[in-house]
N, C-alpha and C. Protein backbone atom coordinates (compact mmCIF):
# COMPACT_ATOMS: atom_id res chain seq x y z
N MET A 1 -32.71 -12.48 26.85
CA MET A 1 -32.39 -11.10 26.44
C MET A 1 -31.11 -11.08 25.59
N LYS A 2 -30.08 -11.84 26.05
CA LYS A 2 -28.83 -11.86 25.28
C LYS A 2 -29.04 -12.48 23.91
N LYS A 3 -29.91 -13.52 23.85
CA LYS A 3 -30.17 -14.17 22.57
C LYS A 3 -30.84 -13.21 21.62
N LYS A 4 -31.81 -12.44 22.12
CA LYS A 4 -32.49 -11.46 21.28
C LYS A 4 -31.53 -10.41 20.80
N ARG A 5 -30.60 -9.97 21.68
CA ARG A 5 -29.66 -8.94 21.30
C ARG A 5 -28.73 -9.44 20.19
N ARG A 6 -28.31 -10.73 20.33
CA ARG A 6 -27.45 -11.28 19.28
C ARG A 6 -28.18 -11.34 17.95
N MET A 7 -29.46 -11.71 17.97
CA MET A 7 -30.25 -11.77 16.74
C MET A 7 -30.43 -10.39 16.14
N ARG A 8 -30.62 -9.40 17.01
CA ARG A 8 -30.85 -8.04 16.54
C ARG A 8 -29.66 -7.51 15.77
N TRP A 9 -28.48 -7.89 16.21
CA TRP A 9 -27.27 -7.37 15.57
C TRP A 9 -26.77 -8.27 14.44
N ALA A 10 -27.40 -9.42 14.24
CA ALA A 10 -26.90 -10.38 13.25
C ALA A 10 -26.83 -9.78 11.85
N ALA A 11 -27.92 -9.13 11.42
CA ALA A 11 -27.94 -8.55 10.07
C ALA A 11 -26.89 -7.46 9.92
N LEU A 12 -26.73 -6.62 10.94
CA LEU A 12 -25.73 -5.57 10.88
C LEU A 12 -24.33 -6.14 10.86
N ALA A 13 -24.14 -7.23 11.60
CA ALA A 13 -22.82 -7.86 11.65
C ALA A 13 -22.43 -8.40 10.28
N LEU A 14 -23.39 -9.02 9.58
CA LEU A 14 -23.12 -9.55 8.25
C LEU A 14 -22.74 -8.44 7.29
N ALA A 15 -23.50 -7.34 7.34
CA ALA A 15 -23.21 -6.21 6.44
C ALA A 15 -21.83 -5.63 6.72
N LEU A 16 -21.49 -5.50 7.99
CA LEU A 16 -20.17 -4.95 8.33
C LEU A 16 -19.07 -5.89 7.88
N ALA A 17 -19.28 -7.18 8.03
CA ALA A 17 -18.27 -8.15 7.62
C ALA A 17 -18.00 -8.04 6.13
N LEU A 18 -19.06 -7.85 5.32
CA LEU A 18 -18.90 -7.71 3.87
C LEU A 18 -18.09 -6.47 3.52
N VAL A 19 -18.37 -5.36 4.22
CA VAL A 19 -17.63 -4.12 3.96
C VAL A 19 -16.17 -4.29 4.33
N LEU A 20 -15.91 -4.90 5.48
CA LEU A 20 -14.52 -5.11 5.91
C LEU A 20 -13.77 -6.00 4.93
N ALA A 21 -14.48 -6.97 4.35
CA ALA A 21 -13.84 -7.83 3.36
C ALA A 21 -13.45 -7.04 2.13
N VAL A 22 -14.32 -6.13 1.68
CA VAL A 22 -14.02 -5.28 0.53
C VAL A 22 -12.82 -4.39 0.82
N LEU A 23 -12.80 -3.81 2.02
CA LEU A 23 -11.68 -2.94 2.39
C LEU A 23 -10.37 -3.70 2.40
N THR A 24 -10.41 -4.95 2.90
CA THR A 24 -9.21 -5.75 3.00
C THR A 24 -8.62 -6.06 1.64
N CYS A 25 -9.49 -6.32 0.65
CA CYS A 25 -8.98 -6.67 -0.67
C CYS A 25 -8.60 -5.45 -1.49
N GLY A 26 -8.80 -4.25 -0.94
CA GLY A 26 -8.37 -3.04 -1.62
C GLY A 26 -9.32 -2.57 -2.69
N CYS A 27 -10.57 -3.03 -2.64
CA CYS A 27 -11.54 -2.67 -3.67
C CYS A 27 -12.34 -1.42 -3.32
N SER A 28 -12.11 -0.83 -2.18
CA SER A 28 -12.81 0.37 -1.78
C SER A 28 -11.80 1.44 -1.46
N ASP A 29 -12.21 2.74 -1.64
CA ASP A 29 -11.21 3.79 -1.50
C ASP A 29 -11.53 4.83 -0.45
N GLY A 30 -12.68 4.77 0.22
CA GLY A 30 -12.98 5.90 1.06
C GLY A 30 -13.65 5.60 2.39
N LYS A 31 -13.62 4.39 2.87
CA LYS A 31 -14.39 4.08 4.06
C LYS A 31 -13.52 3.73 5.25
N SER A 32 -12.22 3.63 5.07
CA SER A 32 -11.41 3.13 6.16
C SER A 32 -11.01 4.19 7.15
N ALA A 33 -10.91 5.46 6.74
CA ALA A 33 -10.46 6.49 7.67
C ALA A 33 -10.98 7.85 7.24
N VAL A 34 -10.99 8.78 8.19
CA VAL A 34 -11.47 10.12 7.89
C VAL A 34 -10.46 10.87 7.05
N SER A 35 -10.87 11.99 6.48
CA SER A 35 -10.01 12.78 5.63
C SER A 35 -8.97 13.53 6.45
N ALA A 36 -8.02 14.14 5.76
CA ALA A 36 -6.97 14.90 6.44
C ALA A 36 -7.58 16.05 7.22
N PRO A 37 -6.97 16.40 8.36
CA PRO A 37 -7.53 17.46 9.20
C PRO A 37 -7.67 18.78 8.47
N GLU A 38 -8.82 19.41 8.64
CA GLU A 38 -9.07 20.73 8.09
C GLU A 38 -9.79 21.55 9.14
N GLU A 39 -9.35 22.79 9.32
CA GLU A 39 -9.99 23.66 10.30
C GLU A 39 -11.25 24.27 9.71
N GLY A 40 -12.22 24.60 10.57
CA GLY A 40 -13.39 25.35 10.14
C GLY A 40 -14.58 24.49 9.85
N ALA A 41 -15.55 25.06 9.12
CA ALA A 41 -16.82 24.39 8.85
C ALA A 41 -16.67 23.32 7.78
N PRO A 42 -17.57 22.32 7.77
CA PRO A 42 -17.53 21.29 6.75
C PRO A 42 -17.87 21.85 5.38
N GLU A 43 -17.42 21.15 4.37
CA GLU A 43 -17.67 21.58 2.99
C GLU A 43 -19.16 21.64 2.70
N ALA A 44 -19.60 22.70 2.02
CA ALA A 44 -21.01 22.87 1.70
C ALA A 44 -21.46 21.80 0.70
N ARG A 45 -22.68 21.35 0.85
CA ARG A 45 -23.24 20.36 -0.06
C ARG A 45 -24.42 20.97 -0.80
N ASN A 46 -24.68 20.48 -1.99
CA ASN A 46 -25.78 20.98 -2.79
C ASN A 46 -27.00 20.09 -2.60
N TYR A 47 -27.97 20.59 -1.82
CA TYR A 47 -29.20 19.86 -1.59
C TYR A 47 -30.32 20.50 -2.39
N PRO A 48 -31.32 19.72 -2.81
CA PRO A 48 -32.43 20.27 -3.60
C PRO A 48 -33.16 21.37 -2.84
N VAL A 49 -33.56 22.41 -3.56
CA VAL A 49 -34.32 23.50 -2.96
C VAL A 49 -35.63 22.95 -2.42
N GLY A 50 -35.95 23.32 -1.18
CA GLY A 50 -37.17 22.86 -0.55
C GLY A 50 -37.05 21.54 0.18
N SER A 51 -35.89 20.86 0.04
CA SER A 51 -35.72 19.58 0.72
C SER A 51 -35.44 19.81 2.20
N TYR A 52 -35.69 18.79 3.01
CA TYR A 52 -35.44 18.95 4.44
C TYR A 52 -33.95 19.09 4.70
N GLU A 53 -33.11 18.48 3.83
CA GLU A 53 -31.66 18.62 4.00
C GLU A 53 -31.23 20.07 3.79
N ARG A 54 -31.79 20.72 2.78
CA ARG A 54 -31.46 22.12 2.53
C ARG A 54 -31.90 23.00 3.70
N MET A 55 -33.12 22.77 4.19
CA MET A 55 -33.62 23.55 5.31
C MET A 55 -32.79 23.33 6.57
N ALA A 56 -32.39 22.07 6.81
CA ALA A 56 -31.57 21.77 7.98
C ALA A 56 -30.20 22.42 7.87
N ALA A 57 -29.62 22.37 6.66
CA ALA A 57 -28.31 22.98 6.45
C ALA A 57 -28.37 24.49 6.62
N ASP A 58 -29.45 25.10 6.11
CA ASP A 58 -29.61 26.55 6.24
C ASP A 58 -29.76 26.96 7.70
N LYS A 59 -30.52 26.16 8.46
CA LYS A 59 -30.71 26.47 9.88
C LYS A 59 -29.39 26.34 10.64
N ALA A 60 -28.63 25.32 10.31
CA ALA A 60 -27.35 25.12 10.98
C ALA A 60 -26.39 26.24 10.66
N ALA A 61 -26.35 26.66 9.37
CA ALA A 61 -25.43 27.72 8.95
C ALA A 61 -25.79 29.06 9.57
N SER A 62 -27.10 29.29 9.78
CA SER A 62 -27.54 30.57 10.32
C SER A 62 -27.52 30.61 11.84
N GLY A 63 -27.24 29.46 12.46
CA GLY A 63 -27.23 29.40 13.91
C GLY A 63 -28.61 29.25 14.52
N GLU A 64 -29.62 28.97 13.69
CA GLU A 64 -30.98 28.86 14.17
C GLU A 64 -31.34 27.44 14.61
N GLU A 65 -30.43 26.51 14.40
CA GLU A 65 -30.71 25.12 14.75
C GLU A 65 -30.80 24.98 16.27
N ASP A 66 -31.77 24.18 16.72
CA ASP A 66 -31.93 23.95 18.15
C ASP A 66 -30.68 23.29 18.71
N ASP A 67 -30.54 23.35 20.05
CA ASP A 67 -29.37 22.77 20.68
C ASP A 67 -29.30 21.26 20.50
N GLY A 68 -30.42 20.62 20.40
CA GLY A 68 -30.44 19.18 20.20
C GLY A 68 -30.29 18.42 21.52
N GLU A 69 -30.54 17.12 21.45
CA GLU A 69 -30.38 16.25 22.62
C GLU A 69 -28.95 15.73 22.65
N VAL A 70 -28.25 15.98 23.73
CA VAL A 70 -26.84 15.59 23.83
C VAL A 70 -26.71 14.34 24.70
N ILE A 71 -26.06 13.32 24.15
CA ILE A 71 -25.71 12.12 24.91
C ILE A 71 -24.22 12.23 25.21
N ASP A 72 -23.89 12.40 26.47
CA ASP A 72 -22.52 12.70 26.87
C ASP A 72 -21.74 11.42 27.17
N PHE A 73 -20.57 11.29 26.52
CA PHE A 73 -19.66 10.18 26.81
C PHE A 73 -18.32 10.70 27.34
N GLY A 74 -18.23 12.01 27.54
CA GLY A 74 -16.96 12.65 27.84
C GLY A 74 -16.59 12.70 29.31
N GLY A 75 -15.72 13.67 29.63
CA GLY A 75 -15.13 13.75 30.96
C GLY A 75 -16.10 13.95 32.09
N LYS A 76 -17.28 14.53 31.82
CA LYS A 76 -18.26 14.78 32.87
C LYS A 76 -19.28 13.66 32.97
N SER A 77 -19.14 12.63 32.16
CA SER A 77 -20.07 11.51 32.17
C SER A 77 -19.45 10.33 32.93
N ILE A 78 -20.21 9.25 33.04
CA ILE A 78 -19.69 8.05 33.69
C ILE A 78 -18.57 7.41 32.88
N PHE A 79 -18.50 7.73 31.57
CA PHE A 79 -17.53 7.08 30.69
C PHE A 79 -16.15 7.75 30.71
N LYS A 80 -16.12 9.07 30.92
CA LYS A 80 -14.86 9.84 30.87
C LYS A 80 -14.18 9.72 29.51
N GLY A 81 -15.00 9.56 28.45
CA GLY A 81 -14.47 9.37 27.11
C GLY A 81 -14.32 7.89 26.80
N ILE A 82 -14.57 7.52 25.54
CA ILE A 82 -14.45 6.12 25.11
C ILE A 82 -13.44 6.05 23.96
N GLU A 83 -12.38 5.33 24.17
CA GLU A 83 -11.29 5.26 23.18
C GLU A 83 -11.74 4.56 21.90
N ILE A 84 -11.38 5.16 20.74
CA ILE A 84 -11.82 4.69 19.43
C ILE A 84 -10.60 4.30 18.58
N GLU A 85 -10.79 3.32 17.70
CA GLU A 85 -9.71 2.84 16.83
C GLU A 85 -9.22 3.93 15.88
N CYS A 86 -7.91 3.98 15.70
CA CYS A 86 -7.28 4.90 14.75
C CYS A 86 -6.38 4.12 13.78
N ASP A 87 -6.06 4.73 12.64
CA ASP A 87 -5.18 4.08 11.68
C ASP A 87 -3.72 4.39 12.00
N GLU A 88 -2.83 4.00 11.09
CA GLU A 88 -1.40 4.20 11.33
C GLU A 88 -0.99 5.66 11.36
N ASN A 89 -1.84 6.54 10.84
CA ASN A 89 -1.56 7.97 10.87
C ASN A 89 -2.20 8.67 12.07
N GLY A 90 -2.82 7.90 12.93
CA GLY A 90 -3.43 8.48 14.11
C GLY A 90 -4.80 9.08 13.86
N GLU A 91 -5.43 8.76 12.73
CA GLU A 91 -6.75 9.28 12.40
C GLU A 91 -7.82 8.23 12.68
N ILE A 92 -9.00 8.71 13.04
CA ILE A 92 -10.10 7.81 13.41
C ILE A 92 -10.54 6.97 12.21
N VAL A 93 -10.74 5.69 12.46
CA VAL A 93 -11.23 4.77 11.43
C VAL A 93 -12.75 4.70 11.49
N CYS A 94 -13.38 4.92 10.34
CA CYS A 94 -14.85 4.83 10.25
C CYS A 94 -15.22 3.89 9.11
N ASN A 95 -15.94 2.83 9.42
CA ASN A 95 -16.45 1.93 8.40
C ASN A 95 -17.92 2.22 8.17
N GLU A 96 -18.30 2.31 6.89
CA GLU A 96 -19.68 2.58 6.53
C GLU A 96 -20.31 1.31 6.00
N SER A 97 -21.44 0.92 6.58
CA SER A 97 -22.10 -0.31 6.16
C SER A 97 -23.59 -0.24 6.48
N ASP A 98 -24.41 -0.64 5.52
CA ASP A 98 -25.85 -0.77 5.71
C ASP A 98 -26.47 0.51 6.24
N GLY A 99 -26.03 1.65 5.73
CA GLY A 99 -26.59 2.93 6.13
C GLY A 99 -26.18 3.41 7.49
N ALA A 100 -25.09 2.87 8.03
CA ALA A 100 -24.63 3.25 9.36
C ALA A 100 -23.14 3.52 9.36
N LEU A 101 -22.69 4.29 10.34
CA LEU A 101 -21.27 4.56 10.56
C LEU A 101 -20.81 3.74 11.75
N TRP A 102 -19.75 2.97 11.57
CA TRP A 102 -19.25 2.06 12.60
C TRP A 102 -17.88 2.53 13.07
N TYR A 103 -17.74 2.72 14.38
CA TYR A 103 -16.47 3.10 14.98
C TYR A 103 -16.08 2.02 15.99
N LYS A 104 -14.96 1.38 15.75
CA LYS A 104 -14.52 0.30 16.64
C LYS A 104 -14.01 0.86 17.96
N ILE A 105 -14.47 0.28 19.05
CA ILE A 105 -14.05 0.71 20.38
C ILE A 105 -12.80 -0.08 20.80
N THR A 106 -11.75 0.65 21.16
CA THR A 106 -10.52 0.01 21.61
C THR A 106 -10.30 0.22 23.11
N ASP A 107 -11.25 0.85 23.76
CA ASP A 107 -11.19 1.08 25.20
C ASP A 107 -11.19 -0.27 25.92
N GLU A 108 -10.14 -0.52 26.71
CA GLU A 108 -9.98 -1.83 27.36
C GLU A 108 -11.09 -2.13 28.36
N ARG A 109 -11.84 -1.12 28.79
CA ARG A 109 -12.94 -1.36 29.72
C ARG A 109 -14.13 -2.04 29.04
N PHE A 110 -14.23 -1.88 27.72
CA PHE A 110 -15.41 -2.34 27.00
C PHE A 110 -15.03 -3.29 25.88
N GLY A 111 -14.40 -4.40 26.25
CA GLY A 111 -14.00 -5.39 25.26
C GLY A 111 -15.15 -6.25 24.76
N SER A 112 -16.29 -6.18 25.43
CA SER A 112 -17.46 -6.95 25.02
C SER A 112 -18.72 -6.18 25.42
N TYR A 113 -19.85 -6.56 24.82
CA TYR A 113 -21.09 -5.89 25.18
C TYR A 113 -21.46 -6.20 26.63
N TRP A 114 -21.11 -7.38 27.09
CA TRP A 114 -21.39 -7.73 28.48
C TRP A 114 -20.67 -6.78 29.43
N GLN A 115 -19.40 -6.48 29.14
CA GLN A 115 -18.65 -5.55 29.98
C GLN A 115 -19.26 -4.15 29.92
N PHE A 116 -19.65 -3.73 28.72
CA PHE A 116 -20.26 -2.42 28.55
C PHE A 116 -21.58 -2.33 29.32
N SER A 117 -22.45 -3.34 29.16
CA SER A 117 -23.76 -3.31 29.81
C SER A 117 -23.62 -3.37 31.32
N ARG A 118 -22.67 -4.14 31.81
CA ARG A 118 -22.45 -4.23 33.25
C ARG A 118 -22.01 -2.88 33.81
N PHE A 119 -21.13 -2.20 33.07
CA PHE A 119 -20.62 -0.90 33.50
C PHE A 119 -21.75 0.13 33.56
N VAL A 120 -22.57 0.17 32.51
CA VAL A 120 -23.65 1.16 32.47
C VAL A 120 -24.70 0.89 33.55
N LYS A 121 -25.08 -0.37 33.70
CA LYS A 121 -26.06 -0.72 34.73
C LYS A 121 -25.57 -0.32 36.11
N LYS A 122 -24.30 -0.60 36.38
CA LYS A 122 -23.73 -0.30 37.70
C LYS A 122 -23.69 1.19 37.97
N ASN A 123 -23.37 1.99 36.96
CA ASN A 123 -23.15 3.42 37.16
C ASN A 123 -24.34 4.30 36.80
N ALA A 124 -25.28 3.78 35.98
CA ALA A 124 -26.40 4.63 35.54
C ALA A 124 -27.75 3.93 35.54
N GLY A 125 -27.77 2.61 35.68
CA GLY A 125 -29.03 1.90 35.74
C GLY A 125 -29.46 1.26 34.43
N ALA A 126 -30.43 0.36 34.53
CA ALA A 126 -30.89 -0.41 33.37
C ALA A 126 -31.60 0.46 32.34
N ASP A 127 -32.32 1.49 32.78
CA ASP A 127 -33.02 2.36 31.84
C ASP A 127 -32.03 3.08 30.94
N ARG A 128 -30.93 3.52 31.52
CA ARG A 128 -29.90 4.21 30.72
C ARG A 128 -29.27 3.25 29.71
N LEU A 129 -29.05 2.02 30.11
CA LEU A 129 -28.50 1.02 29.20
C LEU A 129 -29.46 0.81 28.03
N ASN A 130 -30.74 0.75 28.30
CA ASN A 130 -31.72 0.57 27.24
C ASN A 130 -31.69 1.72 26.25
N GLU A 131 -31.48 2.95 26.74
CA GLU A 131 -31.39 4.12 25.86
C GLU A 131 -30.14 4.05 24.97
N LEU A 132 -29.05 3.56 25.53
CA LEU A 132 -27.78 3.55 24.81
C LEU A 132 -27.60 2.33 23.91
N SER A 133 -28.41 1.30 24.10
CA SER A 133 -28.18 0.03 23.40
C SER A 133 -28.25 0.17 21.89
N GLN A 134 -29.00 1.16 21.38
CA GLN A 134 -29.10 1.33 19.93
C GLN A 134 -27.82 1.88 19.31
N TYR A 135 -26.90 2.38 20.14
CA TYR A 135 -25.66 2.97 19.63
C TYR A 135 -24.43 2.11 19.87
N PHE A 136 -24.59 0.99 20.53
CA PHE A 136 -23.44 0.13 20.83
C PHE A 136 -23.80 -1.31 20.54
N GLY A 137 -22.84 -2.05 19.99
CA GLY A 137 -23.07 -3.46 19.71
C GLY A 137 -21.78 -4.21 19.53
N GLU A 138 -21.85 -5.50 19.65
CA GLU A 138 -20.68 -6.38 19.51
C GLU A 138 -20.79 -7.17 18.22
N VAL A 139 -19.73 -7.17 17.43
CA VAL A 139 -19.68 -7.90 16.17
C VAL A 139 -18.39 -8.72 16.13
N ASP A 140 -18.52 -10.04 16.02
CA ASP A 140 -17.37 -10.93 15.96
C ASP A 140 -16.38 -10.66 17.10
N GLY A 141 -16.93 -10.44 18.29
CA GLY A 141 -16.07 -10.25 19.45
C GLY A 141 -15.48 -8.86 19.59
N GLU A 142 -15.90 -7.91 18.74
CA GLU A 142 -15.39 -6.54 18.79
C GLU A 142 -16.55 -5.59 19.10
N MET A 143 -16.27 -4.60 19.93
CA MET A 143 -17.29 -3.62 20.29
C MET A 143 -17.26 -2.43 19.33
N TYR A 144 -18.44 -1.90 19.00
CA TYR A 144 -18.57 -0.77 18.09
C TYR A 144 -19.55 0.26 18.64
N PHE A 145 -19.24 1.52 18.35
CA PHE A 145 -20.22 2.59 18.47
C PHE A 145 -20.81 2.79 17.09
N VAL A 146 -22.14 2.86 16.98
CA VAL A 146 -22.79 2.91 15.68
C VAL A 146 -23.79 4.05 15.62
N ASP A 147 -23.71 4.85 14.57
CA ASP A 147 -24.72 5.87 14.31
C ASP A 147 -25.43 5.48 13.03
N GLY A 148 -26.74 5.20 13.12
CA GLY A 148 -27.51 4.82 11.94
C GLY A 148 -28.17 3.47 12.04
N ALA A 149 -28.01 2.78 13.18
CA ALA A 149 -28.63 1.46 13.34
C ALA A 149 -30.13 1.60 13.60
N ARG A 150 -30.82 0.48 13.53
CA ARG A 150 -32.26 0.41 13.81
C ARG A 150 -33.08 1.39 12.96
N ASN A 151 -32.84 1.35 11.66
CA ASN A 151 -33.61 2.13 10.68
C ASN A 151 -33.40 3.64 10.79
N ARG A 152 -32.33 4.06 11.44
CA ARG A 152 -32.00 5.49 11.49
C ARG A 152 -30.85 5.76 10.50
N GLU A 153 -31.07 5.38 9.26
CA GLU A 153 -30.00 5.34 8.28
C GLU A 153 -29.35 6.70 8.02
N VAL A 154 -28.06 6.63 7.73
CA VAL A 154 -27.26 7.81 7.41
C VAL A 154 -27.31 8.04 5.90
N ARG A 155 -27.58 9.27 5.51
CA ARG A 155 -27.56 9.62 4.08
C ARG A 155 -26.17 10.06 3.66
N ASP A 156 -25.57 10.97 4.40
CA ASP A 156 -24.21 11.41 4.12
C ASP A 156 -23.61 12.04 5.36
N LYS A 157 -22.32 12.32 5.30
CA LYS A 157 -21.63 12.91 6.44
C LYS A 157 -20.58 13.89 5.95
N SER A 158 -20.18 14.81 6.83
CA SER A 158 -19.06 15.71 6.55
C SER A 158 -18.29 15.89 7.85
N LEU A 159 -17.03 16.28 7.73
CA LEU A 159 -16.15 16.35 8.88
C LEU A 159 -15.54 17.73 9.03
N TYR A 160 -15.33 18.14 10.28
CA TYR A 160 -14.50 19.31 10.49
C TYR A 160 -13.78 19.23 11.83
N TYR A 161 -12.58 19.80 11.82
CA TYR A 161 -11.71 19.78 12.99
C TYR A 161 -11.67 21.17 13.63
N GLN A 162 -11.40 21.21 14.93
CA GLN A 162 -11.29 22.46 15.65
C GLN A 162 -10.13 22.38 16.65
N ASP A 163 -9.75 23.56 17.17
CA ASP A 163 -8.73 23.64 18.23
C ASP A 163 -7.47 22.86 17.86
N ASP A 164 -6.86 23.27 16.73
CA ASP A 164 -5.62 22.62 16.29
C ASP A 164 -5.78 21.12 16.15
N SER A 165 -6.90 20.72 15.61
CA SER A 165 -7.18 19.31 15.30
C SER A 165 -7.25 18.42 16.54
N THR A 166 -7.63 18.98 17.67
CA THR A 166 -7.83 18.16 18.86
C THR A 166 -9.31 17.82 19.07
N LYS A 167 -10.17 18.44 18.25
CA LYS A 167 -11.59 18.13 18.30
C LYS A 167 -12.08 17.84 16.89
N LEU A 168 -12.88 16.80 16.76
CA LEU A 168 -13.44 16.42 15.46
C LEU A 168 -14.94 16.24 15.61
N THR A 169 -15.69 16.85 14.70
CA THR A 169 -17.14 16.65 14.64
C THR A 169 -17.49 15.99 13.32
N VAL A 170 -18.21 14.89 13.38
CA VAL A 170 -18.75 14.25 12.20
C VAL A 170 -20.22 14.65 12.12
N SER A 171 -20.55 15.48 11.13
CA SER A 171 -21.92 15.97 10.96
C SER A 171 -22.66 15.03 10.02
N VAL A 172 -23.72 14.43 10.52
CA VAL A 172 -24.43 13.39 9.80
C VAL A 172 -25.83 13.86 9.40
N ASN A 173 -26.18 13.68 8.13
CA ASN A 173 -27.55 13.87 7.67
C ASN A 173 -28.19 12.51 7.54
N HIS A 174 -29.37 12.35 8.14
CA HIS A 174 -30.07 11.08 8.07
C HIS A 174 -31.05 11.08 6.89
N THR A 175 -31.51 9.90 6.52
CA THR A 175 -32.36 9.76 5.34
C THR A 175 -33.76 10.32 5.59
N GLU A 176 -34.47 10.52 4.50
CA GLU A 176 -35.85 11.01 4.58
C GLU A 176 -36.73 10.04 5.35
N SER A 177 -36.52 8.74 5.15
CA SER A 177 -37.33 7.75 5.86
C SER A 177 -37.07 7.81 7.36
N CYS A 178 -35.83 8.07 7.75
CA CYS A 178 -35.49 8.22 9.17
C CYS A 178 -36.19 9.45 9.75
N ARG A 179 -36.16 10.54 8.99
CA ARG A 179 -36.82 11.78 9.45
C ARG A 179 -38.31 11.55 9.64
N LYS A 180 -38.93 10.87 8.68
CA LYS A 180 -40.38 10.65 8.76
C LYS A 180 -40.76 9.71 9.91
N LYS A 181 -39.94 8.69 10.14
CA LYS A 181 -40.27 7.69 11.14
C LYS A 181 -39.92 8.13 12.55
N PHE A 182 -38.77 8.80 12.72
CA PHE A 182 -38.29 9.14 14.06
C PHE A 182 -38.19 10.64 14.31
N GLY A 183 -38.36 11.45 13.25
CA GLY A 183 -38.17 12.88 13.40
C GLY A 183 -36.72 13.29 13.45
N LEU A 184 -35.80 12.34 13.30
CA LEU A 184 -34.36 12.60 13.38
C LEU A 184 -33.83 12.95 11.99
N TYR A 185 -33.31 14.16 11.84
CA TYR A 185 -32.80 14.57 10.53
C TYR A 185 -31.29 14.79 10.53
N ARG A 186 -30.70 15.03 11.70
CA ARG A 186 -29.26 15.27 11.75
C ARG A 186 -28.71 14.79 13.10
N SER A 187 -27.45 14.36 13.08
CA SER A 187 -26.75 14.05 14.32
C SER A 187 -25.29 14.48 14.17
N HIS A 188 -24.70 14.85 15.29
CA HIS A 188 -23.29 15.23 15.33
C HIS A 188 -22.56 14.29 16.27
N ILE A 189 -21.52 13.65 15.77
CA ILE A 189 -20.67 12.80 16.61
C ILE A 189 -19.42 13.61 16.94
N HIS A 190 -19.16 13.79 18.21
CA HIS A 190 -18.03 14.60 18.65
C HIS A 190 -16.93 13.71 19.24
N PHE A 191 -15.69 13.96 18.78
CA PHE A 191 -14.53 13.26 19.30
C PHE A 191 -13.53 14.28 19.83
N VAL A 192 -12.74 13.89 20.81
CA VAL A 192 -11.66 14.74 21.31
C VAL A 192 -10.37 13.91 21.35
N ARG A 193 -9.24 14.58 21.09
CA ARG A 193 -7.95 13.90 21.14
C ARG A 193 -7.18 14.39 22.36
N LYS A 194 -6.84 13.45 23.25
CA LYS A 194 -6.09 13.76 24.45
C LYS A 194 -4.88 12.84 24.54
N LYS A 195 -3.71 13.47 24.67
CA LYS A 195 -2.44 12.73 24.74
C LYS A 195 -2.29 11.79 23.55
N GLY A 196 -2.71 12.29 22.38
CA GLY A 196 -2.57 11.53 21.14
C GLY A 196 -3.60 10.44 20.91
N VAL A 197 -4.59 10.34 21.80
CA VAL A 197 -5.61 9.30 21.68
C VAL A 197 -6.97 9.93 21.41
N TRP A 198 -7.66 9.45 20.37
CA TRP A 198 -9.00 9.94 20.06
C TRP A 198 -10.03 9.20 20.90
N LYS A 199 -10.97 9.98 21.46
CA LYS A 199 -12.03 9.40 22.27
C LYS A 199 -13.39 9.95 21.84
N LEU A 200 -14.39 9.08 21.88
CA LEU A 200 -15.77 9.50 21.65
C LEU A 200 -16.18 10.39 22.81
N ASP A 201 -16.68 11.59 22.48
CA ASP A 201 -16.99 12.57 23.52
C ASP A 201 -18.50 12.76 23.72
N SER A 202 -19.26 12.81 22.62
CA SER A 202 -20.70 12.98 22.75
C SER A 202 -21.38 12.73 21.41
N LEU A 203 -22.69 12.58 21.48
CA LEU A 203 -23.55 12.46 20.29
C LEU A 203 -24.70 13.43 20.48
N THR A 204 -24.92 14.30 19.49
CA THR A 204 -26.02 15.26 19.55
C THR A 204 -27.05 14.89 18.50
N LEU A 205 -28.31 14.78 18.91
CA LEU A 205 -29.41 14.38 18.03
C LEU A 205 -30.31 15.57 17.77
N TYR A 206 -30.60 15.84 16.50
CA TYR A 206 -31.48 16.94 16.10
C TYR A 206 -32.76 16.37 15.53
N THR A 207 -33.88 16.69 16.17
CA THR A 207 -35.16 16.18 15.73
C THR A 207 -36.14 17.32 15.49
N GLU A 208 -37.16 17.03 14.72
CA GLU A 208 -38.20 18.03 14.42
C GLU A 208 -39.20 18.13 15.56
């Protein structure tokens, strides 16, 4: 099982390594960290009339969007929040690679996938670990939370802050192929900042 898991993440690990190399040499300008905090809704995007992105955006703006499936990582879950890497300005670092968003986990409880899987199995069982495995992986000895893996590619994202910048939502639109294959057209990644530390709080999945 561990061998298969390593093989499954091999391609993603290579893609992430290439992106990190580009960031290190200073050849990229927008993937290392989120934008400056802004209150309110994310900036509007221009989607083609009749496209599923336009319809999804209209539903979200009108409040007609379904509640979605929520995967809780916050205070009421077994995780109590998962600490995420930040830059020197205290902002969350997000690396984009191979159609996915990668957030490095700095929570000392989950220094490896083995530690993470052991924790989940002990507190929630093997079935729960299987559900969560598509969102967590280990690359070069570092743990990551990933949105967009396993052919659930991300098309674009927008950010907005709430409650005096103590809450951050990353609103993700997935690709047309993802929508057709899995019915998943949008996801929201929620973070909360407590005592100056950003933590992964939940992931909401919107499907047709």
